[in-house]
Every structure is written in structure tokens, then in C-alpha cells.
Amino acid sequence: MQSFSAQTGRRRSGFTLVELLVVIAIIGTLAAVSMIGIPRFIDKGKKVNALSQIRDVKLGFEAYESENSNRPLLPSDRREEGMDTVYGNKGGEFSNAIVIAVLSGKIDPPPSAARDLDLKDFFRVEGKYMQFKISDKKETGVGPDGVLYDPWGKVWMIAVNAFNGPNQELKDFNENTPGKNDRHLETAGLAVYGDSKPGDQPFVMWTYGKDGKKGDGDAGRGKKGNPNLKGSDDMASW
């Protein structure tokens, strides 16, 4: 850009102060816009990764059940009782590392197993059904503790339906003991939202997302006061 000098009658190169201020203002605006957009772009990418994790685990489950005559991925006592089981819930009895170990074809209990288990009991046919990404940072993969983590570093929760177990009589829904000897998949309310919940699937998985809280908090509450899945950062397989 050139400016005109009255003394010489010639144009000289350079920016005026006003022009410099305009350029600085434009650069500042573009930087502010990019800073606002980057977190959204990152979150969107993590949701895509979470969906990819759900897809991969579902394929692993399907391979496991196909090879093991629809045997539910449950400890022997839970399978014999016909009791649905949730893996990975905070403070729960079962770590999701058990599921990961079985789908990986391992027969040794994972480091984070909450109780002693004979993983050989999970198999009719021992085999490796999927390969998991290893993540030292405990994000989007299996951590050193054998636990499967979502892209935000939260633990995936996985519920397994026992309806394929050795039940004498199956009901659609057991009102006295939900999730026991019925086709209904019971998740102890952990995967029940105001606008969505699992049905009779053999297994489901979900995470409470970036904020680690179920649904969208106090906003958008649906049936029985449960927060809604839609509009939240939670991710679910059903």
C-alpha cells in the first residue's frame, strides 16, 4: 500500500496509523471467532470418537454372543439368577474392565475387577472378539487399569441383559424384581431418561459425557423428573 507525500509529490510505501489499527482490529476479531469455534470443533470430534467406540463395542458383543451361543456376558452367579448387570457405574460391584477383558479374549481378571472372577466361565468358546485402543491418558481407549474410557476421560457404563440365561420362565417385565428373569433390560435407573431409555436389547452402553452428569441437568426434564437425553452431552447406544 502506498501513501502520498506533499513535499516530494511522490507516493511512499507504508501504512498509516488508521490502516494499521484497522488491520489489528480485523486480526483480533478473527482470533476471537476462532477461539470460540475451536472448543465446539473439539467437542464435536470427541462425540464422533464416542460413536465410533459404541460401534466397535457393539460389534465385539455381537461376535462374542455369536460364538458363545447367545451366552450373556455375565458372571456365573448373575447368569444363573437371570439378573441384568451394569458394568462401570461409580461405586458399583462390576468394573467395565471385565467386559473389556472378555471381549479381548483374556482369561485373567483385570486389575480393576471389584471381585474375584474366573473369566474362563464367561466363555463357551475362548477367543478374541475385538481389539481395543490402549490409552495411557485414559481417554478414548483402555487405560492401564483395564477400564474403557470415553473421549472425555469418563468411564463407559455397559448393561447386559440376562434374558438369554437359563431362566425357567421369561416375562416381558418383572414388576417385583425388574431385570430378573425378564426381557426388560434393567439399568438401576442409570440409563433411564425423560425422553429415552433402553428397551429389550441384549446390551447397551452409555456415558454422561463431558460434564459427567446425567442428561442436561435441571433443564429439559421429562417423565418422572428424569433429565432428557436429547440436547445433553450424553452418548448412548440405543
Protein backbone atom coordinates (compact mmCIF):
# COMPACT_ATOMS: atom_id res chain seq x y z
CA MET A 1 0.00 0.00 0.00
CA GLN A 2 1.31 3.50 -0.80
CA SER A 3 0.69 6.98 0.67
CA PHE A 4 1.28 10.43 -0.97
CA SER A 5 4.00 12.81 0.24
CA ALA A 6 3.23 16.53 -0.35
CA GLN A 7 6.93 17.52 -0.17
CA THR A 8 8.16 15.20 -2.87
CA GLY A 9 4.98 14.77 -4.89
CA ARG A 10 5.69 11.08 -4.90
CA ARG A 11 3.95 8.13 -3.26
CA ARG A 12 5.86 6.34 -0.49
CA SER A 13 5.28 2.81 0.74
CA GLY A 14 3.90 2.09 4.23
CA PHE A 15 0.71 2.01 6.33
CA THR A 16 -0.95 4.92 8.02
CA LEU A 17 -1.83 4.61 11.71
CA VAL A 18 -5.52 4.23 10.90
CA GLU A 19 -4.83 1.45 8.45
CA LEU A 20 -2.69 -0.39 10.99
CA LEU A 21 -5.44 -0.10 13.60
CA VAL A 22 -7.98 -1.49 11.12
CA VAL A 23 -5.73 -4.48 10.35
CA ILE A 24 -5.14 -5.14 14.05
CA ALA A 25 -8.89 -4.97 14.72
CA ILE A 26 -9.59 -7.47 11.91
CA ILE A 27 -6.92 -9.87 13.19
CA GLY A 28 -8.29 -9.58 16.73
CA THR A 29 -11.83 -10.33 15.53
CA LEU A 30 -10.70 -13.37 13.56
CA ALA A 31 -8.73 -14.64 16.56
CA ALA A 32 -11.74 -14.23 18.86
CA VAL A 33 -14.02 -16.07 16.44
CA SER A 34 -11.55 -18.92 16.09
CA MET A 35 -11.16 -19.21 19.87
CA ILE A 36 -14.93 -19.53 20.22
CA GLY A 37 -15.18 -22.11 17.43
CA ILE A 38 -12.25 -24.33 18.44
CA PRO A 39 -13.85 -25.79 21.63
CA ARG A 40 -17.02 -26.61 19.70
CA PHE A 41 -14.98 -28.28 16.99
CA ILE A 42 -13.08 -30.32 19.61
CA ASP A 43 -16.29 -31.40 21.35
CA LYS A 44 -17.83 -32.43 18.04
CA GLY A 45 -14.76 -34.50 17.28
CA LYS A 46 -15.00 -36.23 20.67
CA LYS A 47 -18.65 -37.09 20.06
CA VAL A 48 -17.65 -38.69 16.76
CA ASN A 49 -15.00 -40.70 18.60
CA ALA A 50 -17.57 -41.75 21.21
CA LEU A 51 -19.91 -43.01 18.48
CA SER A 52 -17.01 -44.93 16.99
CA GLN A 53 -16.36 -46.57 20.37
CA ILE A 54 -20.02 -47.57 20.65
CA ARG A 55 -19.95 -49.09 17.17
CA ASP A 56 -16.78 -51.08 17.88
CA VAL A 57 -18.01 -52.45 21.23
CA LYS A 58 -21.35 -53.45 19.69
CA LEU A 59 -19.50 -55.41 17.01
CA GLY A 60 -17.42 -57.08 19.71
CA PHE A 61 -20.52 -58.04 21.69
CA GLU A 62 -22.22 -59.44 18.61
CA ALA A 63 -19.16 -61.55 17.79
CA TYR A 64 -18.96 -62.80 21.39
CA GLU A 65 -22.62 -63.79 21.51
CA SER A 66 -22.46 -65.41 18.09
CA GLU A 67 -19.50 -67.59 19.11
CA ASN A 68 -20.91 -68.38 22.55
CA SER A 69 -24.48 -69.42 21.64
CA ASN A 70 -26.03 -66.13 22.79
CA ARG A 71 -24.49 -66.58 26.23
CA PRO A 72 -24.87 -63.24 28.09
CA LEU A 73 -21.57 -61.71 29.15
CA LEU A 74 -22.21 -62.16 32.88
CA PRO A 75 -20.59 -63.79 35.90
CA SER A 76 -21.96 -67.28 36.53
CA ASP A 77 -24.00 -66.32 39.61
CA ARG A 78 -25.68 -63.40 37.84
CA ARG A 79 -26.31 -65.53 34.77
CA GLU A 80 -27.87 -68.33 36.82
CA GLU A 81 -30.07 -65.85 38.67
CA GLY A 82 -31.13 -64.31 35.38
CA MET A 83 -30.17 -60.89 36.78
CA ASP A 84 -29.26 -57.99 34.49
CA THR A 85 -25.94 -56.38 35.33
CA VAL A 86 -24.40 -52.93 34.94
CA TYR A 87 -20.65 -52.62 34.49
CA GLY A 88 -18.81 -49.36 35.12
CA ASN A 89 -21.24 -47.47 37.34
CA LYS A 90 -19.47 -45.47 40.02
CA GLY A 91 -19.34 -47.41 43.27
CA GLY A 92 -20.84 -50.47 41.60
CA GLU A 93 -19.80 -54.07 42.03
CA PHE A 94 -18.56 -54.65 38.49
CA SER A 95 -15.93 -52.72 36.53
CA ASN A 96 -16.35 -52.41 32.78
CA ALA A 97 -12.80 -53.79 32.63
CA ILE A 98 -14.42 -57.23 32.98
CA VAL A 99 -16.28 -56.74 29.70
CA ILE A 100 -13.16 -55.40 28.01
CA ALA A 101 -11.06 -58.36 29.19
CA VAL A 102 -13.61 -60.91 27.95
CA LEU A 103 -14.06 -59.27 24.55
CA SER A 104 -10.27 -59.10 24.26
CA GLY A 105 -10.09 -62.84 24.84
CA LYS A 106 -8.27 -62.62 28.17
CA ILE A 107 -8.76 -65.18 30.94
CA ASP A 108 -7.01 -63.27 33.73
CA PRO A 109 -9.09 -60.81 35.80
CA PRO A 110 -8.29 -57.14 35.06
CA PRO A 111 -6.51 -55.01 37.70
CA SER A 112 -9.68 -53.05 38.50
CA ALA A 113 -12.01 -56.03 38.94
CA ALA A 114 -14.05 -55.39 42.07
CA ARG A 115 -14.27 -59.07 42.91
CA ASP A 116 -12.50 -62.31 42.11
CA LEU A 117 -13.83 -63.80 38.90
CA ASP A 118 -12.94 -66.76 36.78
CA LEU A 119 -13.05 -65.27 33.31
CA LYS A 120 -12.97 -68.75 31.78
CA ASP A 121 -16.55 -69.08 32.98
CA PHE A 122 -17.58 -66.35 30.53
CA PHE A 123 -16.66 -68.47 27.52
CA ARG A 124 -18.14 -71.44 25.80
CA VAL A 125 -15.56 -70.83 23.10
CA GLU A 126 -12.45 -68.92 24.08
CA GLY A 127 -11.49 -66.35 21.51
CA LYS A 128 -10.60 -62.74 20.82
CA TYR A 129 -13.61 -60.77 19.66
CA MET A 130 -12.15 -57.30 19.26
CA GLN A 131 -9.04 -55.22 19.79
CA PHE A 132 -9.19 -52.08 21.88
CA LYS A 133 -7.12 -48.95 21.59
CA ILE A 134 -4.74 -48.54 24.54
CA SER A 135 -4.74 -45.08 26.13
CA ASP A 136 -2.18 -44.10 28.76
CA LYS A 137 -4.11 -40.87 29.33
CA LYS A 138 -7.37 -42.74 29.97
CA GLU A 139 -9.15 -41.12 27.04
CA THR A 140 -10.86 -42.84 24.11
CA GLY A 141 -9.49 -46.23 24.95
CA VAL A 142 -8.47 -48.75 27.58
CA GLY A 143 -6.36 -47.33 30.39
CA PRO A 144 -3.60 -49.08 32.37
CA ASP A 145 -6.29 -50.26 34.80
CA GLY A 146 -8.08 -52.15 32.01
CA VAL A 147 -11.07 -49.78 32.11
CA LEU A 148 -12.65 -48.41 28.93
CA TYR A 149 -12.78 -44.60 28.95
CA ASP A 150 -14.72 -42.22 26.74
CA PRO A 151 -13.12 -39.26 24.89
CA TRP A 152 -13.67 -37.03 27.96
CA GLY A 153 -11.87 -39.40 30.29
CA LYS A 154 -15.09 -40.75 31.85
CA VAL A 155 -15.86 -44.43 32.39
CA TRP A 156 -18.24 -46.07 29.93
CA MET A 157 -21.21 -47.83 31.53
CA ILE A 158 -22.38 -51.09 29.98
CA ALA A 159 -25.55 -53.00 30.86
CA VAL A 160 -26.01 -56.65 29.91
CA ASN A 161 -29.41 -58.32 29.71
CA ALA A 162 -29.61 -61.77 31.28
CA PHE A 163 -32.68 -62.87 29.32
CA ASN A 164 -30.60 -65.42 27.41
CA GLY A 165 -29.62 -67.11 30.65
CA PRO A 166 -31.03 -70.42 31.97
CA ASN A 167 -34.34 -68.87 33.06
CA GLN A 168 -37.31 -71.16 33.56
CA GLU A 169 -39.89 -68.55 32.68
CA LEU A 170 -39.40 -65.24 30.95
CA LYS A 171 -41.71 -62.27 31.40
CA ASP A 172 -41.71 -59.05 29.44
CA PHE A 173 -41.27 -57.16 32.70
CA ASN A 174 -40.85 -58.46 36.23
CA GLU A 175 -42.63 -55.90 38.40
CA ASN A 176 -41.40 -57.40 41.67
CA THR A 177 -37.75 -57.61 40.63
CA PRO A 178 -37.12 -55.60 37.44
CA GLY A 179 -34.38 -57.07 35.30
CA LYS A 180 -34.59 -60.55 36.81
CA ASN A 181 -35.93 -63.36 34.63
CA ASP A 182 -37.49 -60.93 32.18
CA ARG A 183 -36.78 -59.45 28.77
CA HIS A 184 -36.61 -55.94 30.19
CA LEU A 185 -33.07 -54.53 30.45
CA GLU A 186 -32.73 -53.04 33.92
CA THR A 187 -30.06 -50.37 34.46
CA ALA A 188 -30.99 -49.29 38.00
CA GLY A 189 -32.22 -46.00 36.51
CA LEU A 190 -28.73 -45.07 35.32
CA ALA A 191 -29.70 -45.14 31.63
CA VAL A 192 -33.31 -44.00 32.06
CA TYR A 193 -34.04 -40.53 30.68
CA GLY A 194 -37.20 -38.49 30.42
CA ASP A 195 -37.26 -38.93 26.66
CA SER A 196 -35.35 -42.17 26.15
CA LYS A 197 -34.38 -45.46 27.77
CA PRO A 198 -33.16 -48.92 26.74
CA GLY A 199 -35.74 -51.47 25.69
CA ASP A 200 -35.13 -55.20 25.47
CA GLN A 201 -31.66 -55.07 23.96
CA PRO A 202 -29.11 -57.74 24.90
CA PHE A 203 -26.70 -54.98 25.92
CA VAL A 204 -26.32 -51.21 25.83
CA MET A 205 -23.58 -48.73 26.69
CA TRP A 206 -23.66 -45.06 27.59
CA THR A 207 -21.66 -42.22 29.08
CA TYR A 208 -22.67 -38.98 30.79
CA GLY A 209 -20.30 -37.04 28.55
CA LYS A 210 -18.08 -34.06 29.18
CA ASP A 211 -19.75 -32.79 32.36
CA GLY A 212 -20.07 -36.27 33.86
CA LYS A 213 -23.68 -35.56 34.80
CA LYS A 214 -26.71 -37.43 33.58
CA GLY A 215 -28.66 -35.57 30.90
CA ASP A 216 -28.84 -31.81 30.73
CA GLY A 217 -29.12 -31.12 34.44
CA ASP A 218 -32.17 -29.23 35.65
CA ALA A 219 -33.26 -28.16 32.17
CA GLY A 220 -35.46 -30.24 29.90
CA ARG A 221 -36.69 -32.74 32.45
CA GLY A 222 -39.17 -35.29 31.19
CA LYS A 223 -41.06 -38.24 32.67
CA LYS A 224 -40.74 -38.72 36.43
CA GLY A 225 -38.38 -35.78 36.62
CA ASN A 226 -35.60 -37.55 34.70
CA PRO A 227 -33.36 -35.27 32.63
CA ASN A 228 -33.64 -35.67 28.88
CA LEU A 229 -31.03 -37.34 26.70
CA LYS A 230 -31.74 -35.08 23.74
CA GLY A 231 -29.86 -31.81 23.99
CA SER A 232 -27.39 -33.16 26.53
CA ASP A 233 -23.78 -34.17 26.02
CA ASP A 234 -24.52 -37.79 26.97
CA MET A 235 -23.88 -40.53 24.43
CA ALA A 236 -25.88 -43.79 24.27
CA SER A 237 -26.06 -46.86 22.05
CA TRP A 238 -29.86 -47.27 21.88
